[in-house]
Amino acid sequence: MKKKEHFERLLSQRLDELLTEPNEIAGSRTGFRAHHPDYLDRGSMESDTSFAFHIKERESILTRKIKDALTRLENGTFGICDECRREIPEGRLKARPVATLCIKCKEEQETEERIGE
């Protein structure tokens, strides 16, 4: 039960951080919009915007994974590998609490992905 509470607290805390962090990157270059930017300013703005969207996309994916992990905690399937149905070692969960695969199954998945590329 302690393990469940630990991971629930950890995941909930990280989810709160993701949902409440201000988006400083997207607004960091808005001062350029006050005048007609030259091509270097426009290029920098486009790069910043692209980077901000990339970060937001990654945060969105992580948010979804955290919510899924919290759901697994609720229904009792947290820490069970989706592939082999064995328990995921606690060390792996501490390093990556949103993990759905044990190390062996994750390595097999990555190998298959490399072969498919």
N, C-alpha and C. Protein backbone atom coordinates (compact mmCIF):
# COMPACT_ATOMS: atom_id res chain seq x y z
N MET A 1 0.82 -1.19 0.00
CA MET A 1 0.00 0.00 0.00
C MET A 1 0.87 1.26 0.00
N LYS A 2 2.00 1.21 0.69
CA LYS A 2 2.92 2.34 0.71
C LYS A 2 3.42 2.66 -0.69
N LYS A 3 3.73 1.60 -1.45
CA LYS A 3 4.23 1.76 -2.80
C LYS A 3 3.19 2.49 -3.66
N LYS A 4 1.95 2.09 -3.55
CA LYS A 4 0.88 2.73 -4.33
C LYS A 4 0.77 4.20 -3.96
N GLU A 5 0.78 4.51 -2.68
CA GLU A 5 0.67 5.90 -2.23
C GLU A 5 1.85 6.72 -2.71
N HIS A 6 3.05 6.14 -2.67
CA HIS A 6 4.25 6.84 -3.12
C HIS A 6 4.11 7.24 -4.58
N PHE A 7 3.74 6.29 -5.44
CA PHE A 7 3.65 6.57 -6.86
C PHE A 7 2.46 7.47 -7.17
N GLU A 8 1.39 7.33 -6.44
CA GLU A 8 0.24 8.20 -6.65
C GLU A 8 0.61 9.65 -6.34
N ARG A 9 1.31 9.85 -5.25
CA ARG A 9 1.75 11.20 -4.87
C ARG A 9 2.74 11.75 -5.90
N LEU A 10 3.71 10.93 -6.30
CA LEU A 10 4.71 11.34 -7.28
C LEU A 10 4.06 11.73 -8.60
N LEU A 11 3.18 10.88 -9.10
CA LEU A 11 2.53 11.14 -10.38
C LEU A 11 1.60 12.35 -10.31
N SER A 12 0.85 12.45 -9.24
CA SER A 12 -0.07 13.59 -9.08
C SER A 12 0.70 14.90 -9.00
N GLN A 13 1.81 14.88 -8.29
CA GLN A 13 2.64 16.08 -8.17
C GLN A 13 3.18 16.50 -9.53
N ARG A 14 3.67 15.55 -10.30
CA ARG A 14 4.21 15.87 -11.63
C ARG A 14 3.12 16.36 -12.56
N LEU A 15 1.93 15.77 -12.47
CA LEU A 15 0.80 16.20 -13.29
C LEU A 15 0.43 17.64 -12.95
N ASP A 16 0.37 17.95 -11.66
CA ASP A 16 0.07 19.32 -11.24
C ASP A 16 1.10 20.30 -11.79
N GLU A 17 2.37 19.92 -11.75
CA GLU A 17 3.43 20.78 -12.29
C GLU A 17 3.23 21.04 -13.78
N LEU A 18 2.91 19.99 -14.52
CA LEU A 18 2.72 20.14 -15.96
C LEU A 18 1.52 21.02 -16.28
N LEU A 19 0.47 20.88 -15.51
CA LEU A 19 -0.75 21.62 -15.79
C LEU A 19 -0.71 23.06 -15.31
N THR A 20 0.18 23.37 -14.38
CA THR A 20 0.21 24.72 -13.85
C THR A 20 1.43 25.53 -14.27
N GLU A 21 2.41 24.90 -14.94
CA GLU A 21 3.59 25.64 -15.39
C GLU A 21 3.19 26.68 -16.42
N PRO A 22 3.65 27.92 -16.25
CA PRO A 22 3.36 28.92 -17.28
C PRO A 22 4.15 28.63 -18.53
N ASN A 23 3.61 28.99 -19.64
CA ASN A 23 4.31 28.78 -20.90
C ASN A 23 5.19 29.98 -21.19
N GLU A 24 6.37 30.00 -20.61
CA GLU A 24 7.28 31.13 -20.76
C GLU A 24 7.91 31.16 -22.15
N ILE A 25 8.08 30.03 -22.76
CA ILE A 25 8.76 29.97 -24.05
C ILE A 25 7.94 30.66 -25.12
N ALA A 26 6.64 30.36 -25.19
CA ALA A 26 5.81 30.90 -26.25
C ALA A 26 5.73 32.42 -26.18
N GLY A 27 5.74 32.98 -25.00
CA GLY A 27 5.61 34.42 -24.88
C GLY A 27 6.92 35.16 -24.79
N SER A 28 8.02 34.46 -24.89
CA SER A 28 9.31 35.09 -24.65
C SER A 28 9.76 36.04 -25.76
N ARG A 29 9.22 35.89 -26.96
CA ARG A 29 9.67 36.71 -28.09
C ARG A 29 8.58 37.64 -28.61
N THR A 30 7.50 37.81 -27.84
CA THR A 30 6.38 38.60 -28.34
C THR A 30 6.74 40.06 -28.53
N GLY A 31 7.79 40.56 -27.92
CA GLY A 31 8.20 41.93 -28.09
C GLY A 31 8.52 42.26 -29.54
N PHE A 32 8.93 41.27 -30.32
CA PHE A 32 9.25 41.49 -31.72
C PHE A 32 8.02 41.84 -32.54
N ARG A 33 6.87 41.44 -32.07
CA ARG A 33 5.64 41.68 -32.83
C ARG A 33 5.22 43.15 -32.80
N ALA A 34 5.80 43.93 -31.91
CA ALA A 34 5.42 45.34 -31.78
C ALA A 34 5.90 46.16 -32.98
N HIS A 35 6.89 45.69 -33.67
CA HIS A 35 7.37 46.40 -34.85
C HIS A 35 7.43 45.42 -36.02
N HIS A 36 7.83 45.87 -37.14
CA HIS A 36 7.94 44.98 -38.30
C HIS A 36 9.30 44.29 -38.23
N PRO A 37 9.31 43.02 -37.89
CA PRO A 37 10.59 42.33 -37.70
C PRO A 37 11.33 42.14 -39.02
N ASP A 38 12.62 42.18 -38.95
CA ASP A 38 13.41 41.87 -40.13
C ASP A 38 13.49 40.35 -40.28
N TYR A 39 14.14 39.89 -41.31
CA TYR A 39 14.15 38.44 -41.57
C TYR A 39 14.84 37.64 -40.47
N LEU A 40 15.82 38.22 -39.79
CA LEU A 40 16.48 37.51 -38.69
C LEU A 40 15.53 37.38 -37.50
N ASP A 41 14.82 38.46 -37.18
CA ASP A 41 13.83 38.40 -36.09
C ASP A 41 12.74 37.39 -36.41
N ARG A 42 12.25 37.40 -37.66
CA ARG A 42 11.20 36.46 -38.06
C ARG A 42 11.70 35.02 -37.95
N GLY A 43 12.91 34.80 -38.38
CA GLY A 43 13.48 33.45 -38.29
C GLY A 43 13.61 33.00 -36.85
N SER A 44 14.05 33.91 -36.00
CA SER A 44 14.18 33.59 -34.57
C SER A 44 12.81 33.32 -33.95
N MET A 45 11.82 34.15 -34.33
CA MET A 45 10.46 33.96 -33.80
C MET A 45 9.89 32.61 -34.24
N GLU A 46 10.10 32.26 -35.50
CA GLU A 46 9.60 30.99 -36.01
C GLU A 46 10.28 29.82 -35.31
N SER A 47 11.57 29.95 -35.08
CA SER A 47 12.30 28.90 -34.37
C SER A 47 11.78 28.75 -32.94
N ASP A 48 11.60 29.88 -32.26
CA ASP A 48 11.08 29.85 -30.89
C ASP A 48 9.69 29.24 -30.84
N THR A 49 8.85 29.62 -31.78
CA THR A 49 7.48 29.10 -31.82
C THR A 49 7.48 27.60 -32.08
N SER A 50 8.31 27.16 -33.02
CA SER A 50 8.42 25.74 -33.31
C SER A 50 8.88 24.96 -32.08
N PHE A 51 9.88 25.51 -31.40
CA PHE A 51 10.39 24.86 -30.19
C PHE A 51 9.32 24.81 -29.11
N ALA A 52 8.57 25.88 -28.94
CA ALA A 52 7.51 25.94 -27.93
C ALA A 52 6.43 24.90 -28.23
N PHE A 53 6.05 24.77 -29.50
CA PHE A 53 5.05 23.77 -29.88
C PHE A 53 5.56 22.36 -29.62
N HIS A 54 6.83 22.14 -29.91
CA HIS A 54 7.42 20.82 -29.66
C HIS A 54 7.39 20.48 -28.16
N ILE A 55 7.75 21.45 -27.33
CA ILE A 55 7.73 21.25 -25.88
C ILE A 55 6.30 20.97 -25.41
N LYS A 56 5.35 21.76 -25.90
CA LYS A 56 3.94 21.58 -25.49
C LYS A 56 3.43 20.21 -25.92
N GLU A 57 3.82 19.76 -27.10
CA GLU A 57 3.40 18.45 -27.57
C GLU A 57 3.95 17.35 -26.67
N ARG A 58 5.22 17.47 -26.29
CA ARG A 58 5.83 16.48 -25.39
C ARG A 58 5.16 16.51 -24.03
N GLU A 59 4.85 17.71 -23.53
CA GLU A 59 4.17 17.83 -22.24
C GLU A 59 2.78 17.20 -22.31
N SER A 60 2.11 17.37 -23.44
CA SER A 60 0.78 16.80 -23.61
C SER A 60 0.85 15.27 -23.58
N ILE A 61 1.83 14.71 -24.24
CA ILE A 61 2.01 13.25 -24.25
C ILE A 61 2.32 12.76 -22.84
N LEU A 62 3.21 13.47 -22.14
CA LEU A 62 3.55 13.07 -20.77
C LEU A 62 2.33 13.20 -19.85
N THR A 63 1.54 14.24 -20.03
CA THR A 63 0.33 14.42 -19.22
C THR A 63 -0.60 13.22 -19.41
N ARG A 64 -0.79 12.81 -20.66
CA ARG A 64 -1.65 11.66 -20.95
C ARG A 64 -1.09 10.38 -20.31
N LYS A 65 0.24 10.20 -20.39
CA LYS A 65 0.86 9.01 -19.79
C LYS A 65 0.70 9.00 -18.27
N ILE A 66 0.82 10.17 -17.65
CA ILE A 66 0.66 10.26 -16.19
C ILE A 66 -0.78 9.94 -15.81
N LYS A 67 -1.73 10.49 -16.55
CA LYS A 67 -3.15 10.20 -16.27
C LYS A 67 -3.43 8.71 -16.42
N ASP A 68 -2.85 8.10 -17.45
CA ASP A 68 -3.01 6.66 -17.65
C ASP A 68 -2.40 5.87 -16.48
N ALA A 69 -1.24 6.30 -16.01
CA ALA A 69 -0.59 5.63 -14.88
C ALA A 69 -1.45 5.76 -13.62
N LEU A 70 -2.03 6.92 -13.40
CA LEU A 70 -2.91 7.12 -12.24
C LEU A 70 -4.15 6.22 -12.35
N THR A 71 -4.65 6.04 -13.55
CA THR A 71 -5.78 5.13 -13.77
C THR A 71 -5.37 3.70 -13.45
N ARG A 72 -4.16 3.31 -13.88
CA ARG A 72 -3.67 1.96 -13.57
C ARG A 72 -3.50 1.77 -12.07
N LEU A 73 -3.08 2.81 -11.37
CA LEU A 73 -2.99 2.73 -9.90
C LEU A 73 -4.37 2.48 -9.30
N GLU A 74 -5.36 3.17 -9.83
CA GLU A 74 -6.74 3.02 -9.33
C GLU A 74 -7.27 1.60 -9.55
N ASN A 75 -7.01 1.06 -10.74
CA ASN A 75 -7.61 -0.25 -11.06
C ASN A 75 -6.70 -1.44 -10.73
N GLY A 76 -5.53 -1.15 -10.14
CA GLY A 76 -4.68 -2.23 -9.67
C GLY A 76 -3.75 -2.84 -10.70
N THR A 77 -3.61 -2.21 -11.86
CA THR A 77 -2.74 -2.76 -12.89
C THR A 77 -1.43 -2.00 -13.01
N PHE A 78 -1.20 -1.00 -12.16
CA PHE A 78 0.05 -0.24 -12.18
C PHE A 78 1.20 -1.17 -11.84
N GLY A 79 2.28 -1.07 -12.62
CA GLY A 79 3.47 -1.88 -12.34
C GLY A 79 3.41 -3.27 -12.94
N ILE A 80 2.41 -3.52 -13.80
CA ILE A 80 2.30 -4.80 -14.49
C ILE A 80 2.61 -4.56 -15.96
N CYS A 81 3.53 -5.31 -16.50
CA CYS A 81 3.95 -5.16 -17.90
C CYS A 81 2.77 -5.47 -18.83
N ASP A 82 2.54 -4.59 -19.79
CA ASP A 82 1.46 -4.78 -20.76
C ASP A 82 1.69 -5.99 -21.67
N GLU A 83 2.94 -6.36 -21.88
CA GLU A 83 3.25 -7.47 -22.79
C GLU A 83 3.27 -8.82 -22.09
N CYS A 84 4.16 -8.97 -21.11
CA CYS A 84 4.37 -10.28 -20.49
C CYS A 84 3.53 -10.48 -19.22
N ARG A 85 2.89 -9.41 -18.76
CA ARG A 85 2.01 -9.43 -17.57
C ARG A 85 2.76 -9.70 -16.27
N ARG A 86 4.10 -9.61 -16.30
CA ARG A 86 4.89 -9.76 -15.08
C ARG A 86 5.00 -8.40 -14.41
N GLU A 87 5.41 -8.44 -13.15
CA GLU A 87 5.57 -7.20 -12.40
C GLU A 87 6.79 -6.43 -12.91
N ILE A 88 6.62 -5.14 -13.12
CA ILE A 88 7.74 -4.27 -13.51
C ILE A 88 8.54 -3.97 -12.25
N PRO A 89 9.86 -4.18 -12.28
CA PRO A 89 10.66 -3.93 -11.08
C PRO A 89 10.51 -2.49 -10.57
N GLU A 90 10.51 -2.35 -9.26
CA GLU A 90 10.31 -1.06 -8.64
C GLU A 90 11.37 -0.04 -9.06
N GLY A 91 12.59 -0.50 -9.28
CA GLY A 91 13.65 0.40 -9.75
C GLY A 91 13.31 1.05 -11.08
N ARG A 92 12.72 0.28 -11.97
CA ARG A 92 12.29 0.84 -13.27
C ARG A 92 11.17 1.84 -13.07
N LEU A 93 10.23 1.52 -12.19
CA LEU A 93 9.12 2.43 -11.94
C LEU A 93 9.59 3.72 -11.27
N LYS A 94 10.60 3.61 -10.43
CA LYS A 94 11.14 4.82 -9.80
C LYS A 94 11.80 5.71 -10.85
N ALA A 95 12.49 5.09 -11.80
CA ALA A 95 13.16 5.84 -12.86
C ALA A 95 12.15 6.37 -13.88
N ARG A 96 11.11 5.61 -14.14
CA ARG A 96 10.10 5.98 -15.15
C ARG A 96 8.73 5.50 -14.67
N PRO A 97 8.08 6.30 -13.82
CA PRO A 97 6.81 5.87 -13.22
C PRO A 97 5.68 5.65 -14.21
N VAL A 98 5.81 6.16 -15.43
CA VAL A 98 4.76 5.96 -16.43
C VAL A 98 5.00 4.71 -17.28
N ALA A 99 6.04 3.95 -16.95
CA ALA A 99 6.39 2.76 -17.74
C ALA A 99 5.25 1.76 -17.76
N THR A 100 5.03 1.19 -18.95
CA THR A 100 4.01 0.15 -19.09
C THR A 100 4.63 -1.19 -19.49
N LEU A 101 5.95 -1.17 -19.73
CA LEU A 101 6.65 -2.38 -20.12
C LEU A 101 7.85 -2.60 -19.21
N CYS A 102 8.13 -3.87 -18.92
CA CYS A 102 9.34 -4.19 -18.18
C CYS A 102 10.53 -3.94 -19.11
N ILE A 103 11.73 -3.97 -18.57
CA ILE A 103 12.93 -3.69 -19.36
C ILE A 103 13.05 -4.66 -20.54
N LYS A 104 12.84 -5.93 -20.29
CA LYS A 104 13.00 -6.93 -21.35
C LYS A 104 12.04 -6.66 -22.50
N CYS A 105 10.78 -6.43 -22.18
CA CYS A 105 9.78 -6.17 -23.23
C CYS A 105 10.04 -4.84 -23.93
N LYS A 106 10.49 -3.84 -23.20
CA LYS A 106 10.81 -2.55 -23.81
C LYS A 106 11.98 -2.69 -24.77
N GLU A 107 13.01 -3.44 -24.38
CA GLU A 107 14.15 -3.67 -25.27
C GLU A 107 13.72 -4.41 -26.53
N GLU A 108 12.84 -5.40 -26.38
CA GLU A 108 12.33 -6.13 -27.54
C GLU A 108 11.55 -5.19 -28.47
N GLN A 109 10.73 -4.32 -27.88
CA GLN A 109 9.96 -3.36 -28.67
C GLN A 109 10.89 -2.42 -29.45
N GLU A 110 11.92 -1.92 -28.78
CA GLU A 110 12.86 -1.01 -29.44
C GLU A 110 13.63 -1.71 -30.55
N THR A 111 13.99 -2.98 -30.33
CA THR A 111 14.68 -3.75 -31.36
C THR A 111 13.78 -3.93 -32.59
N GLU A 112 12.52 -4.25 -32.35
CA GLU A 112 11.57 -4.41 -33.45
C GLU A 112 11.39 -3.09 -34.21
N GLU A 113 11.36 -1.97 -33.49
CA GLU A 113 11.22 -0.67 -34.13
C GLU A 113 12.43 -0.35 -34.99
N ARG A 114 13.62 -0.68 -34.50
CA ARG A 114 14.84 -0.43 -35.29
C ARG A 114 14.85 -1.29 -36.55
N ILE A 115 14.44 -2.52 -36.43
CA ILE A 115 14.42 -3.43 -37.58
C ILE A 115 13.41 -2.94 -38.61
N GLY A 116 12.28 -2.41 -38.11
CA GLY A 116 11.23 -1.92 -39.02
C GLY A 116 11.59 -0.64 -39.73
N GLU A 117 12.57 0.09 -39.26
CA GLU A 117 12.96 1.35 -39.91
C GLU A 117 13.80 1.13 -41.06
